[in-house]
């Protein structure tokens, strides 16, 4: 079983930066992808970015492309989300997610919440203008 723990959220002024971290514990060698989703009040959870451990391929939502960067450190079982040029509309709870055997996500499903079977508890990001 894999457990995910996020950290790094907080309050930041528009235009500022934050870096989120997600540490995986347990059977960490079995994850295929680790990604970030976010959920604003009254809205559905939406895809932000994901990384495939094998090959390091990354995928982003159009709304964050060019501003956010996802990266991973295999040795630390940690995924990061560097968020720059933050906007008030980035305000949300950010969740880390992973897919584990036998539930390997296929390319066409990476942006869907249903592709991931393990989730963290979330970390709040608030951007004020």
Protein backbone atom coordinates (compact mmCIF):
# COMPACT_ATOMS: atom_id res chain seq x y z
CA UNK A 1 0.00 0.00 0.00
CA UNK A 2 1.20 3.50 -0.85
CA UNK A 3 0.51 6.57 1.27
CA UNK A 4 0.91 10.14 -0.01
CA UNK A 5 1.57 13.21 2.12
CA UNK A 6 1.51 16.73 0.67
CA UNK A 7 3.10 19.86 2.08
CA UNK A 8 4.11 23.34 1.00
CA UNK A 9 0.77 25.06 0.61
CA UNK A 10 0.15 28.52 1.96
CA UNK A 11 -0.90 32.09 1.33
CA UNK A 12 0.87 34.01 -1.42
CA UNK A 13 0.37 37.23 -3.32
CA UNK A 14 -0.48 37.08 -7.02
CA UNK A 15 2.70 36.80 -9.07
CA UNK A 16 4.46 34.90 -6.33
CA UNK A 17 5.68 31.32 -6.12
CA UNK A 18 5.18 28.21 -4.02
CA UNK A 19 6.61 24.73 -4.17
CA UNK A 20 4.46 21.78 -3.17
CA UNK A 21 5.94 18.46 -2.14
CA UNK A 22 4.37 15.01 -2.07
CA UNK A 23 6.18 12.21 -0.27
CA UNK A 24 5.20 8.63 -1.00
CA UNK A 25 5.64 5.98 1.66
CA UNK A 26 4.92 2.27 1.74
CA UNK A 27 5.24 0.25 -1.49
CA UNK A 28 6.60 3.23 -3.39
CA UNK A 29 8.38 1.20 -6.05
CA UNK A 30 5.03 0.20 -7.45
CA UNK A 31 3.75 3.62 -8.57
CA UNK A 32 3.69 4.37 -12.29
CA UNK A 33 2.64 8.03 -12.28
CA UNK A 34 2.36 10.68 -9.62
CA UNK A 35 0.32 13.73 -10.28
CA UNK A 36 -1.30 16.85 -8.90
CA UNK A 37 -4.93 17.80 -9.00
CA UNK A 38 -6.70 20.75 -7.44
CA UNK A 39 -10.18 21.54 -6.24
CA UNK A 40 -11.58 25.00 -5.68
CA UNK A 41 -14.71 25.56 -3.56
CA UNK A 42 -17.83 24.50 -5.42
CA UNK A 43 -15.87 23.08 -8.35
CA UNK A 44 -14.84 19.63 -9.50
CA UNK A 45 -11.37 18.33 -8.88
CA UNK A 46 -9.24 19.14 -11.91
CA UNK A 47 -5.98 17.90 -13.35
CA UNK A 48 -2.88 20.05 -12.93
CA UNK A 49 0.15 17.95 -13.86
CA UNK A 50 1.53 14.44 -13.73
CA UNK A 51 4.87 12.70 -14.17
CA UNK A 52 5.64 9.17 -15.32
CA UNK A 53 8.45 7.68 -13.29
CA UNK A 54 9.69 5.62 -16.23
CA UNK A 55 11.26 8.11 -18.62
CA UNK A 56 10.26 11.18 -16.64
CA UNK A 57 7.54 12.25 -19.09
CA UNK A 58 5.45 15.14 -17.84
CA UNK A 59 1.98 16.35 -18.72
CA UNK A 60 0.28 19.63 -17.83
CA UNK A 61 -3.11 21.26 -17.91
CA UNK A 62 -3.22 24.14 -20.39
CA UNK A 63 -4.08 26.53 -17.57
CA UNK A 64 -0.74 25.99 -15.82
CA UNK A 65 1.58 25.23 -18.74
CA UNK A 66 4.56 27.55 -18.66
CA UNK A 67 3.96 28.54 -15.03
CA UNK A 68 4.06 25.23 -13.13
CA UNK A 69 6.73 22.55 -13.26
CA UNK A 70 6.37 19.01 -11.95
CA UNK A 71 9.48 17.04 -11.06
CA UNK A 72 10.37 13.93 -9.15
CA UNK A 73 13.16 12.58 -6.98
CA UNK A 74 13.18 8.80 -7.06
CA UNK A 75 15.65 8.51 -4.22
CA UNK A 76 13.37 10.52 -1.94
CA UNK A 77 10.09 9.10 -3.29
CA UNK A 78 8.99 12.69 -3.68
CA UNK A 79 7.21 14.67 -6.37
CA UNK A 80 7.34 18.44 -6.47
CA UNK A 81 5.15 21.06 -8.04
CA UNK A 82 6.91 24.37 -8.55
CA UNK A 83 4.27 27.04 -9.06
CA UNK A 84 5.34 30.41 -10.43
CA UNK A 85 3.41 33.47 -11.53
CA UNK A 86 0.52 32.43 -9.34
CA UNK A 87 -2.93 33.88 -10.01
CA UNK A 88 -5.97 34.17 -7.74
CA UNK A 89 -7.67 31.52 -9.88
CA UNK A 90 -4.99 29.05 -8.78
CA UNK A 91 -6.52 29.12 -5.30
CA UNK A 92 -7.58 25.59 -4.39
CA UNK A 93 -6.78 22.54 -2.33
CA UNK A 94 -4.02 20.70 -4.14
CA UNK A 95 -4.00 16.91 -4.02
CA UNK A 96 -1.26 14.48 -4.87
CA UNK A 97 -2.26 11.23 -6.59
CA UNK A 98 -0.66 8.01 -7.78
CA UNK A 99 -1.60 4.94 -9.76
CA UNK A 100 -0.48 1.58 -8.40
CA UNK A 101 -0.59 -1.98 -9.71
CA UNK A 102 -2.69 -3.29 -11.26
CA UNK A 103 -4.29 0.10 -11.98
CA UNK A 104 -1.72 1.56 -14.37
CA UNK A 105 -3.10 4.68 -16.02
CA UNK A 106 -3.07 4.84 -19.80
CA UNK A 107 -1.99 7.97 -21.65
CA UNK A 108 -5.50 9.02 -22.59
CA UNK A 109 -6.66 8.86 -18.98
CA UNK A 110 -3.86 10.71 -17.20
CA UNK A 111 -5.93 13.87 -16.82
CA UNK A 112 -8.82 12.06 -15.16
CA UNK A 113 -9.21 11.53 -11.42
CA UNK A 114 -10.36 7.96 -12.05
CA UNK A 115 -6.90 7.04 -13.37
CA UNK A 116 -5.41 7.32 -9.89
CA UNK A 117 -6.18 5.02 -6.97
CA UNK A 118 -4.15 6.59 -4.17
CA UNK A 119 -4.65 10.16 -2.94
CA UNK A 120 -3.14 12.45 -0.36
CA UNK A 121 -5.11 14.56 2.07
CA UNK A 122 -4.50 17.83 0.21
CA UNK A 123 -2.78 21.11 0.94
CA UNK A 124 -4.40 24.55 0.67
CA UNK A 125 -3.01 27.15 -1.71
CA UNK A 126 -4.48 30.64 -1.51
CA UNK A 127 -3.44 33.39 -3.91
CA UNK A 128 -4.56 36.93 -3.13
CA UNK A 129 -4.47 39.96 -5.41
